[in-house]
PDB file of all heavy atoms in Angstrom:
ATOM      1  N   ASP A   1      19.251-162.278 -53.465  1.00  0.00           N
ATOM      2  CA  ASP A   1      20.620-161.771 -53.400  1.00  0.00           C
ATOM      3  C   ASP A   1      20.884-161.135 -52.038  1.00  0.00           C
ATOM      4  O   ASP A   1      20.006-161.059 -51.177  1.00  0.00           O
ATOM      5  CB  ASP A   1      20.887-160.777 -54.532  1.00  0.00           C
ATOM      6  CG  ASP A   1      19.958-159.565 -54.516  1.00  0.00           C
ATOM      7  OD1 ASP A   1      19.339-159.292 -53.463  1.00  0.00           O
ATOM      8  OD2 ASP A   1      19.841-158.891 -55.551  1.00  0.00           O
ATOM      9  N   ALA A   2      22.112-160.660 -51.833  1.00  0.00           N
ATOM     10  CA  ALA A   2      22.522-160.123 -50.528  1.00  0.00           C
ATOM     11  C   ALA A   2      21.674-158.925 -50.130  1.00  0.00           C
ATOM     12  O   ALA A   2      21.303-158.775 -48.954  1.00  0.00           O
ATOM     13  CB  ALA A   2      24.004-159.756 -50.553  1.00  0.00           C
ATOM     14  N   GLY A   3      21.350-158.052 -51.086  1.00  0.00           N
ATOM     15  CA  GLY A   3      20.535-156.885 -50.775  1.00  0.00           C
ATOM     16  C   GLY A   3      19.150-157.272 -50.300  1.00  0.00           C
ATOM     17  O   GLY A   3      18.600-156.669 -49.363  1.00  0.00           O
ATOM     18  N   THR A   4      18.569-158.280 -50.945  1.00  0.00           N
ATOM     19  CA  THR A   4      17.244-158.755 -50.530  1.00  0.00           C
ATOM     20  C   THR A   4      17.313-159.375 -49.143  1.00  0.00           C
ATOM     21  O   THR A   4      16.432-159.149 -48.303  1.00  0.00           O
ATOM     22  CB  THR A   4      16.706-159.772 -51.548  1.00  0.00           C
ATOM     23  OG1 THR A   4      16.602-159.148 -52.835  1.00  0.00           O
ATOM     24  CG2 THR A   4      15.335-160.284 -51.129  1.00  0.00           C
ATOM     25  N   LEU A   5      18.364-160.149 -48.876  1.00  0.00           N
ATOM     26  CA  LEU A   5      18.495-160.764 -47.556  1.00  0.00           C
ATOM     27  C   LEU A   5      18.753-159.721 -46.474  1.00  0.00           C
ATOM     28  O   LEU A   5      18.336-159.896 -45.326  1.00  0.00           O
ATOM     29  CB  LEU A   5      19.605-161.819 -47.573  1.00  0.00           C
ATOM     30  CG  LEU A   5      19.312-163.062 -48.435  1.00  0.00           C
ATOM     31  CD1 LEU A   5      20.481-164.030 -48.397  1.00  0.00           C
ATOM     32  CD2 LEU A   5      18.025-163.758 -47.981  1.00  0.00           C
ATOM     33  N   ASP A   6      19.420-158.614 -46.825  1.00  0.00           N
ATOM     34  CA  ASP A   6      19.559-157.508 -45.870  1.00  0.00           C
ATOM     35  C   ASP A   6      18.181-156.945 -45.510  1.00  0.00           C
ATOM     36  O   ASP A   6      17.913-156.615 -44.352  1.00  0.00           O
ATOM     37  CB  ASP A   6      20.423-156.392 -46.460  1.00  0.00           C
ATOM     38  CG  ASP A   6      21.906-156.723 -46.460  1.00  0.00           C
ATOM     39  OD1 ASP A   6      22.314-157.650 -45.734  1.00  0.00           O
ATOM     40  OD2 ASP A   6      22.639-156.050 -47.215  1.00  0.00           O
ATOM     41  N   ALA A   7      17.311-156.832 -46.513  1.00  0.00           N
ATOM     42  CA  ALA A   7      15.955-156.339 -46.275  1.00  0.00           C
ATOM     43  C   ALA A   7      15.157-157.332 -45.436  1.00  0.00           C
ATOM     44  O   ALA A   7      14.365-156.938 -44.569  1.00  0.00           O
ATOM     45  CB  ALA A   7      15.250-156.077 -47.607  1.00  0.00           C
ATOM     46  N   VAL A   8      15.367-158.622 -45.677  1.00  0.00           N
ATOM     47  CA  VAL A   8      14.715-159.653 -44.861  1.00  0.00           C
ATOM     48  C   VAL A   8      15.166-159.527 -43.407  1.00  0.00           C
ATOM     49  O   VAL A   8      14.346-159.596 -42.477  1.00  0.00           O
ATOM     50  CB  VAL A   8      15.032-161.062 -45.411  1.00  0.00           C
ATOM     51  CG1 VAL A   8      14.589-162.140 -44.426  1.00  0.00           C
ATOM     52  CG2 VAL A   8      14.349-161.277 -46.757  1.00  0.00           C
ATOM     53  N   LYS A   9      16.465-159.319 -43.199  1.00  0.00           N
ATOM     54  CA  LYS A   9      16.968-159.193 -41.833  1.00  0.00           C
ATOM     55  C   LYS A   9      16.380-157.967 -41.140  1.00  0.00           C
ATOM     56  O   LYS A   9      16.017-158.019 -39.956  1.00  0.00           O
ATOM     57  CB  LYS A   9      18.496-159.102 -41.845  1.00  0.00           C
ATOM     58  CG  LYS A   9      19.112-159.122 -40.459  1.00  0.00           C
ATOM     59  CD  LYS A   9      20.626-159.231 -40.516  1.00  0.00           C
ATOM     60  CE  LYS A   9      21.219-159.322 -39.111  1.00  0.00           C
ATOM     61  NZ  LYS A   9      22.699-159.467 -39.152  1.00  0.00           N
ATOM     62  N   ALA A  10      16.253-156.866 -41.862  1.00  0.00           N
ATOM     63  CA  ALA A  10      15.652-155.660 -41.289  1.00  0.00           C
ATOM     64  C   ALA A  10      14.193-155.910 -40.908  1.00  0.00           C
ATOM     65  O   ALA A  10      13.727-155.471 -39.850  1.00  0.00           O
ATOM     66  CB  ALA A  10      15.764-154.502 -42.272  1.00  0.00           C
ATOM     67  N   LEU A  11      13.476-156.623 -41.774  1.00  0.00           N
ATOM     68  CA  LEU A  11      12.082-156.936 -41.475  1.00  0.00           C
ATOM     69  C   LEU A  11      11.985-157.901 -40.302  1.00  0.00           C
ATOM     70  O   LEU A  11      11.083-157.782 -39.457  1.00  0.00           O
ATOM     71  CB  LEU A  11      11.402-157.527 -42.718  1.00  0.00           C
ATOM     72  CG  LEU A  11       9.899-157.785 -42.603  1.00  0.00           C
ATOM     73  CD1 LEU A  11       9.136-156.490 -42.330  1.00  0.00           C
ATOM     74  CD2 LEU A  11       9.374-158.459 -43.873  1.00  0.00           C
ATOM     75  N   LEU A  12      12.904-158.855 -40.211  1.00  0.00           N
ATOM     76  CA  LEU A  12      12.917-159.778 -39.073  1.00  0.00           C
ATOM     77  C   LEU A  12      13.134-159.023 -37.770  1.00  0.00           C
ATOM     78  O   LEU A  12      12.491-159.320 -36.756  1.00  0.00           O
ATOM     79  CB  LEU A  12      14.011-160.835 -39.259  1.00  0.00           C
ATOM     80  CG  LEU A  12      14.081-161.927 -38.201  1.00  0.00           C
ATOM     81  CD1 LEU A  12      12.835-162.801 -38.234  1.00  0.00           C
ATOM     82  CD2 LEU A  12      15.333-162.789 -38.376  1.00  0.00           C
ATOM     83  N   ASN A  13      14.029-158.033 -37.783  1.00  0.00           N
ATOM     84  CA  ASN A  13      14.250-157.223 -36.578  1.00  0.00           C
ATOM     85  C   ASN A  13      12.988-156.483 -36.154  1.00  0.00           C
ATOM     86  O   ASN A  13      12.778-156.217 -34.966  1.00  0.00           O
ATOM     87  CB  ASN A  13      15.377-156.213 -36.816  1.00  0.00           C
ATOM     88  CG  ASN A  13      16.749-156.842 -36.752  1.00  0.00           C
ATOM     89  OD1 ASN A  13      16.933-157.902 -36.163  1.00  0.00           O
ATOM     90  ND2 ASN A  13      17.726-156.190 -37.364  1.00  0.00           N
ATOM     91  N   GLU A  14      12.153-156.163 -37.125  1.00  0.00           N
ATOM     92  CA  GLU A  14      10.921-155.426 -36.838  1.00  0.00           C
ATOM     93  C   GLU A  14       9.778-156.341 -36.439  1.00  0.00           C
ATOM     94  O   GLU A  14       9.026-156.049 -35.501  1.00  0.00           O
ATOM     95  CB  GLU A  14      10.519-154.619 -38.070  1.00  0.00           C
ATOM     96  CG  GLU A  14       9.212-153.864 -37.942  1.00  0.00           C
ATOM     97  CD  GLU A  14       8.765-153.230 -39.247  1.00  0.00           C
ATOM     98  OE1 GLU A  14       9.586-153.141 -40.192  1.00  0.00           O
ATOM     99  OE2 GLU A  14       7.599-152.818 -39.340  1.00  0.00           O
ATOM    100  N   ARG A  15       9.639-157.495 -37.136  1.00  0.00           N
ATOM    101  CA  ARG A  15       8.453-158.332 -36.989  1.00  0.00           C
ATOM    102  C   ARG A  15       8.696-159.618 -36.188  1.00  0.00           C
ATOM    103  O   ARG A  15       7.762-160.272 -35.768  1.00  0.00           O
ATOM    104  CB  ARG A  15       7.898-158.700 -38.380  1.00  0.00           C
ATOM    105  CG  ARG A  15       7.536-157.512 -39.257  1.00  0.00           C
ATOM    106  CD  ARG A  15       6.423-156.688 -38.665  1.00  0.00           C
ATOM    107  NE  ARG A  15       5.225-157.515 -38.463  1.00  0.00           N
ATOM    108  CZ  ARG A  15       4.214-157.168 -37.683  1.00  0.00           C
ATOM    109  NH1 ARG A  15       4.242-156.032 -37.016  1.00  0.00           N
ATOM    110  NH2 ARG A  15       3.170-157.965 -37.542  1.00  0.00           N
ATOM    111  N   ALA A  16       9.947-160.043 -36.025  1.00  0.00           N
ATOM    112  CA  ALA A  16      10.372-161.171 -35.169  1.00  0.00           C
ATOM    113  C   ALA A  16      10.087-162.548 -35.760  1.00  0.00           C
ATOM    114  O   ALA A  16      10.831-163.502 -35.491  1.00  0.00           O
ATOM    115  CB  ALA A  16       9.770-161.060 -33.772  1.00  0.00           C
ATOM    116  N   VAL A  17       9.024-162.696 -36.548  1.00  0.00           N
ATOM    117  CA  VAL A  17       8.682-163.965 -37.188  1.00  0.00           C
ATOM    118  C   VAL A  17       8.293-163.679 -38.633  1.00  0.00           C
ATOM    119  O   VAL A  17       7.440-162.824 -38.885  1.00  0.00           O
ATOM    120  CB  VAL A  17       7.505-164.673 -36.471  1.00  0.00           C
ATOM    121  CG1 VAL A  17       7.140-165.975 -37.187  1.00  0.00           C
ATOM    122  CG2 VAL A  17       7.818-164.930 -35.006  1.00  0.00           C
ATOM    123  N   LEU A  18       8.921-164.397 -39.583  1.00  0.00           N
ATOM    124  CA  LEU A  18       8.608-164.227 -41.007  1.00  0.00           C
ATOM    125  C   LEU A  18       8.236-165.575 -41.603  1.00  0.00           C
ATOM    126  O   LEU A  18       8.925-166.574 -41.386  1.00  0.00           O
ATOM    127  CB  LEU A  18       9.798-163.640 -41.770  1.00  0.00           C
ATOM    128  CG  LEU A  18      10.322-162.277 -41.292  1.00  0.00           C
ATOM    129  CD1 LEU A  18      11.503-161.841 -42.155  1.00  0.00           C
ATOM    130  CD2 LEU A  18       9.214-161.225 -41.316  1.00  0.00           C
ATOM    131  N   VAL A  19       7.151-165.584 -42.387  1.00  0.00           N
ATOM    132  CA  VAL A  19       6.639-166.805 -43.010  1.00  0.00           C
ATOM    133  C   VAL A  19       6.751-166.657 -44.520  1.00  0.00           C
ATOM    134  O   VAL A  19       6.165-165.739 -45.106  1.00  0.00           O
ATOM    135  CB  VAL A  19       5.167-167.045 -42.607  1.00  0.00           C
ATOM    136  CG1 VAL A  19       4.642-168.321 -43.255  1.00  0.00           C
ATOM    137  CG2 VAL A  19       5.030-167.115 -41.083  1.00  0.00           C
ATOM    138  N   PHE A  20       7.503-167.561 -45.141  1.00  0.00           N
ATOM    139  CA  PHE A  20       7.711-167.533 -46.594  1.00  0.00           C
ATOM    140  C   PHE A  20       6.997-168.739 -47.205  1.00  0.00           C
ATOM    141  O   PHE A  20       7.350-169.891 -46.929  1.00  0.00           O
ATOM    142  CB  PHE A  20       9.210-167.590 -46.930  1.00  0.00           C
ATOM    143  CG  PHE A  20      10.006-166.438 -46.377  1.00  0.00           C
ATOM    144  CD1 PHE A  20      10.511-166.477 -45.083  1.00  0.00           C
ATOM    145  CD2 PHE A  20      10.253-165.315 -47.152  1.00  0.00           C
ATOM    146  CE1 PHE A  20      11.246-165.412 -44.574  1.00  0.00           C
ATOM    147  CE2 PHE A  20      10.985-164.247 -46.646  1.00  0.00           C
ATOM    148  CZ  PHE A  20      11.485-164.296 -45.358  1.00  0.00           C
ATOM    149  N   ARG A  21       6.013-168.474 -48.039  1.00  0.00           N
ATOM    150  CA  ARG A  21       5.228-169.543 -48.663  1.00  0.00           C
ATOM    151  C   ARG A  21       5.823-169.922 -50.023  1.00  0.00           C
ATOM    152  O   ARG A  21       6.566-169.166 -50.650  1.00  0.00           O
ATOM    153  CB  ARG A  21       3.782-169.085 -48.852  1.00  0.00           C
ATOM    154  CG  ARG A  21       3.075-168.658 -47.571  1.00  0.00           C
ATOM    155  CD  ARG A  21       2.843-169.806 -46.619  1.00  0.00           C
ATOM    156  NE  ARG A  21       2.000-169.395 -45.492  1.00  0.00           N
ATOM    157  CZ  ARG A  21       1.703-170.172 -44.445  1.00  0.00           C
ATOM    158  NH1 ARG A  21       2.185-171.409 -44.382  1.00  0.00           N
ATOM    159  NH2 ARG A  21       0.926-169.724 -43.463  1.00  0.00           N
ATOM    160  N   ASP A  22       5.467-171.134 -50.461  1.00  0.00           N
ATOM    161  CA  ASP A  22       5.752-171.607 -51.824  1.00  0.00           C
ATOM    162  C   ASP A  22       7.250-171.569 -52.144  1.00  0.00           C
ATOM    163  O   ASP A  22       7.668-171.084 -53.207  1.00  0.00           O
ATOM    164  CB  ASP A  22       4.980-170.776 -52.854  1.00  0.00           C
ATOM    165  CG  ASP A  22       3.483-170.772 -52.592  1.00  0.00           C
ATOM    166  OD1 ASP A  22       2.946-171.839 -52.263  1.00  0.00           O
ATOM    167  OD2 ASP A  22       2.869-169.697 -52.689  1.00  0.00           O
ATOM    168  N   GLN A  23       8.054-172.096 -51.236  1.00  0.00           N
ATOM    169  CA  GLN A  23       9.502-172.137 -51.435  1.00  0.00           C
ATOM    170  C   GLN A  23       9.931-173.483 -52.007  1.00  0.00           C
ATOM    171  O   GLN A  23       9.311-174.511 -51.745  1.00  0.00           O
ATOM    172  CB  GLN A  23      10.226-171.882 -50.114  1.00  0.00           C
ATOM    173  CG  GLN A  23       9.892-170.550 -49.479  1.00  0.00           C
ATOM    174  CD  GLN A  23      10.321-169.377 -50.334  1.00  0.00           C
ATOM    175  OE1 GLN A  23      11.473-169.262 -50.731  1.00  0.00           O
ATOM    176  NE2 GLN A  23       9.371-168.483 -50.618  1.00  0.00           N
ATOM    177  N   LYS A  24      11.004-173.474 -52.788  1.00  0.00           N
ATOM    178  CA  LYS A  24      11.637-174.697 -53.308  1.00  0.00           C
ATOM    179  C   LYS A  24      13.132-174.551 -53.045  1.00  0.00           C
ATOM    180  O   LYS A  24      13.845-173.895 -53.820  1.00  0.00           O
ATOM    181  CB  LYS A  24      11.353-174.878 -54.798  1.00  0.00           C
ATOM    182  CG  LYS A  24       9.908-175.184 -55.138  1.00  0.00           C
ATOM    183  CD  LYS A  24       9.509-176.586 -54.696  1.00  0.00           C
ATOM    184  CE  LYS A  24       8.104-176.932 -55.168  1.00  0.00           C
ATOM    185  NZ  LYS A  24       7.684-178.288 -54.722  1.00  0.00           N
ATOM    186  N   LEU A  25      13.595-175.134 -51.944  1.00  0.00           N
ATOM    187  CA  LEU A  25      14.963-174.930 -51.510  1.00  0.00           C
ATOM    188  C   LEU A  25      15.728-176.242 -51.411  1.00  0.00           C
ATOM    189  O   LEU A  25      15.225-177.233 -50.866  1.00  0.00           O
ATOM    190  CB  LEU A  25      14.986-174.276 -50.121  1.00  0.00           C
ATOM    191  CG  LEU A  25      14.507-172.833 -49.995  1.00  0.00           C
ATOM    192  CD1 LEU A  25      14.238-172.511 -48.534  1.00  0.00           C
ATOM    193  CD2 LEU A  25      15.539-171.883 -50.561  1.00  0.00           C
ATOM    194  N   THR A  26      16.935-176.242 -51.928  1.00  0.00           N
ATOM    195  CA  THR A  26      17.850-177.332 -51.625  1.00  0.00           C
ATOM    196  C   THR A  26      18.459-177.072 -50.251  1.00  0.00           C
ATOM    197  O   THR A  26      18.360-175.968 -49.707  1.00  0.00           O
ATOM    198  CB  THR A  26      18.981-177.419 -52.667  1.00  0.00           C
ATOM    199  OG1 THR A  26      19.791-176.226 -52.560  1.00  0.00           O
ATOM    200  CG2 THR A  26      18.418-177.517 -54.089  1.00  0.00           C
ATOM    201  N   ARG A  27      19.115-178.067 -49.710  1.00  0.00           N
ATOM    202  CA  ARG A  27      19.781-177.861 -48.418  1.00  0.00           C
ATOM    203  C   ARG A  27      20.840-176.768 -48.514  1.00  0.00           C
ATOM    204  O   ARG A  27      20.987-175.945 -47.607  1.00  0.00           O
ATOM    205  CB  ARG A  27      20.423-179.163 -47.940  1.00  0.00           C
ATOM    206  CG  ARG A  27      19.450-180.126 -47.304  1.00  0.00           C
ATOM    207  CD  ARG A  27      20.168-181.342 -46.761  1.00  0.00           C
ATOM    208  NE  ARG A  27      19.219-182.267 -46.158  1.00  0.00           N
ATOM    209  CZ  ARG A  27      19.517-183.492 -45.770  1.00  0.00           C
ATOM    210  NH1 ARG A  27      20.759-183.946 -45.944  1.00  0.00           N
ATOM    211  NH2 ARG A  27      18.613-184.275 -45.219  1.00  0.00           N
ATOM    212  N   GLU A  28      21.580-176.746 -49.594  1.00  0.00           N
ATOM    213  CA  GLU A  28      22.633-175.742 -49.731  1.00  0.00           C
ATOM    214  C   GLU A  28      22.043-174.338 -49.837  1.00  0.00           C
ATOM    215  O   GLU A  28      22.610-173.378 -49.300  1.00  0.00           O
ATOM    216  CB  GLU A  28      23.516-176.057 -50.940  1.00  0.00           C
ATOM    217  CG  GLU A  28      24.405-177.282 -50.738  1.00  0.00           C
ATOM    218  CD  GLU A  28      25.237-177.192 -49.462  1.00  0.00           C
ATOM    219  OE1 GLU A  28      25.884-176.143 -49.245  1.00  0.00           O
ATOM    220  OE2 GLU A  28      25.241-178.158 -48.674  1.00  0.00           O
ATOM    221  N   GLN A  29      20.915-174.199 -50.527  1.00  0.00           N
ATOM    222  CA  GLN A  29      20.255-172.887 -50.600  1.00  0.00           C
ATOM    223  C   GLN A  29      19.719-172.474 -49.231  1.00  0.00           C
ATOM    224  O   GLN A  29      19.839-171.306 -48.835  1.00  0.00           O
ATOM    225  CB  GLN A  29      19.126-172.936 -51.628  1.00  0.00           C
ATOM    226  CG  GLN A  29      19.630-173.029 -53.061  1.00  0.00           C
ATOM    227  CD  GLN A  29      18.523-173.382 -54.052  1.00  0.00           C
ATOM    228  OE1 GLN A  29      17.511-173.997 -53.683  1.00  0.00           O
ATOM    229  NE2 GLN A  29      18.711-173.007 -55.304  1.00  0.00           N
ATOM    230  N   HIS A  30      19.145-173.421 -48.522  1.00  0.00           N
ATOM    231  CA  HIS A  30      18.643-173.180 -47.168  1.00  0.00           C
ATOM    232  C   HIS A  30      19.792-172.679 -46.278  1.00  0.00           C
ATOM    233  O   HIS A  30      19.656-171.684 -45.558  1.00  0.00           O
ATOM    234  CB  HIS A  30      18.070-174.499 -46.638  1.00  0.00           C
ATOM    235  CG  HIS A  30      17.296-174.392 -45.366  1.00  0.00           C
ATOM    236  ND1 HIS A  30      16.645-175.476 -44.811  1.00  0.00           N
ATOM    237  CD2 HIS A  30      17.068-173.367 -44.520  1.00  0.00           C
ATOM    238  CE1 HIS A  30      16.041-175.104 -43.688  1.00  0.00           C
ATOM    239  NE2 HIS A  30      16.292-173.832 -43.489  1.00  0.00           N
ATOM    240  N   LYS A  31      20.919-173.337 -46.336  1.00  0.00           N
ATOM    241  CA  LYS A  31      22.084-172.963 -45.525  1.00  0.00           C
ATOM    242  C   LYS A  31      22.655-171.605 -45.961  1.00  0.00           C
ATOM    243  O   LYS A  31      23.083-170.806 -45.117  1.00  0.00           O
ATOM    244  CB  LYS A  31      23.152-174.048 -45.620  1.00  0.00           C
ATOM    245  CG  LYS A  31      22.767-175.332 -44.900  1.00  0.00           C
ATOM    246  CD  LYS A  31      23.688-176.491 -45.242  1.00  0.00           C
ATOM    247  CE  LYS A  31      25.123-176.219 -44.879  1.00  0.00           C
ATOM    248  NZ  LYS A  31      25.982-177.393 -45.130  1.00  0.00           N
ATOM    249  N   ARG A  32      22.650-171.342 -47.251  1.00  0.00           N
ATOM    250  CA  ARG A  32      23.175-170.059 -47.743  1.00  0.00           C
ATOM    251  C   ARG A  32      22.363-168.906 -47.198  1.00  0.00           C
ATOM    252  O   ARG A  32      22.912-167.886 -46.757  1.00  0.00           O
ATOM    253  CB  ARG A  32      23.151-170.037 -49.283  1.00  0.00           C
ATOM    254  CG  ARG A  32      23.627-168.700 -49.881  1.00  0.00           C
ATOM    255  CD  ARG A  32      23.403-168.639 -51.377  1.00  0.00           C
ATOM    256  NE  ARG A  32      21.999-168.605 -51.728  1.00  0.00           N
ATOM    257  CZ  ARG A  32      21.245-167.505 -51.736  1.00  0.00           C
ATOM    258  NH1 ARG A  32      21.761-166.338 -51.399  1.00  0.00           N
ATOM    259  NH2 ARG A  32      19.970-167.566 -52.103  1.00  0.00           N
ATOM    260  N   VAL A  33      21.044-169.041 -47.208  1.00  0.00           N
ATOM    261  CA  VAL A  33      20.181-167.982 -46.680  1.00  0.00           C
ATOM    262  C   VAL A  33      20.461-167.784 -45.192  1.00  0.00           C
ATOM    263  O   VAL A  33      20.645-166.656 -44.715  1.00  0.00           O
ATOM    264  CB  VAL A  33      18.697-168.324 -46.921  1.00  0.00           C
ATOM    265  CG1 VAL A  33      17.798-167.350 -46.156  1.00  0.00           C
ATOM    266  CG2 VAL A  33      18.378-168.289 -48.405  1.00  0.00           C
ATOM    267  N   CYS A  34      20.524-168.872 -44.448  1.00  0.00           N
ATOM    268  CA  CYS A  34      20.696-168.769 -43.002  1.00  0.00           C
ATOM    269  C   CYS A  34      22.048-168.163 -42.634  1.00  0.00           C
ATOM    270  O   CYS A  34      22.144-167.424 -41.643  1.00  0.00           O
ATOM    271  CB  CYS A  34      20.551-170.155 -42.374  1.00  0.00           C
ATOM    272  SG  CYS A  34      20.347-170.113 -40.588  1.00  0.00           S
ATOM    273  N   ALA A  35      23.083-168.450 -43.422  1.00  0.00           N
ATOM    274  CA  ALA A  35      24.419-167.931 -43.122  1.00  0.00           C
ATOM    275  C   ALA A  35      24.489-166.418 -43.208  1.00  0.00           C
ATOM    276  O   ALA A  35      25.457-165.813 -42.738  1.00  0.00           O
ATOM    277  CB  ALA A  35      25.443-168.558 -44.070  1.00  0.00           C
ATOM    278  N   HIS A  36      23.470-165.780 -43.785  1.00  0.00           N
ATOM    279  CA  HIS A  36      23.437-164.321 -43.896  1.00  0.00           C
ATOM    280  C   HIS A  36      23.062-163.670 -42.560  1.00  0.00           C
ATOM    281  O   HIS A  36      23.159-162.458 -42.414  1.00  0.00           O
ATOM    282  CB  HIS A  36      22.430-163.911 -44.978  1.00  0.00           C
ATOM    283  CG  HIS A  36      22.589-162.505 -45.469  1.00  0.00           C
ATOM    284  ND1 HIS A  36      23.496-162.163 -46.447  1.00  0.00           N
ATOM    285  CD2 HIS A  36      21.954-161.349 -45.120  1.00  0.00           C
ATOM    286  CE1 HIS A  36      23.421-160.864 -46.681  1.00  0.00           C
ATOM    287  NE2 HIS A  36      22.497-160.346 -45.891  1.00  0.00           N
ATOM    288  N   PHE A  37      22.652-164.488 -41.590  1.00  0.00           N
ATOM    289  CA  PHE A  37      22.153-163.970 -40.319  1.00  0.00           C
ATOM    290  C   PHE A  37      23.133-164.301 -39.194  1.00  0.00           C
ATOM    291  O   PHE A  37      23.979-165.164 -39.313  1.00  0.00           O
ATOM    292  CB  PHE A  37      20.769-164.552 -40.032  1.00  0.00           C
ATOM    293  CG  PHE A  37      19.730-164.097 -41.024  1.00  0.00           C
ATOM    294  CD1 PHE A  37      19.688-164.641 -42.305  1.00  0.00           C
ATOM    295  CD2 PHE A  37      18.821-163.115 -40.694  1.00  0.00           C
ATOM    296  CE1 PHE A  37      18.750-164.209 -43.238  1.00  0.00           C
ATOM    297  CE2 PHE A  37      17.878-162.680 -41.627  1.00  0.00           C
ATOM    298  CZ  PHE A  37      17.849-163.225 -42.895  1.00  0.00           C
ATOM    299  N   GLY A  38      22.997-163.601 -38.075  1.00  0.00           N
ATOM    300  CA  GLY A  38      23.859-163.857 -36.937  1.00  0.00           C
ATOM    301  C   GLY A  38      25.316-163.597 -37.254  1.00  0.00           C
ATOM    302  O   GLY A  38      25.661-162.616 -37.931  1.00  0.00           O
TER     303      GLY A  38
END
């Protein structure tokens, strides 16, 4: 959800590279996550 993605963005600002294992994403889900950034 949006709150979790806010936490991901905060961690990205701190760590610069994040690796997420064992994902099952459709293209639309992939795009939805990315649209939360920038």
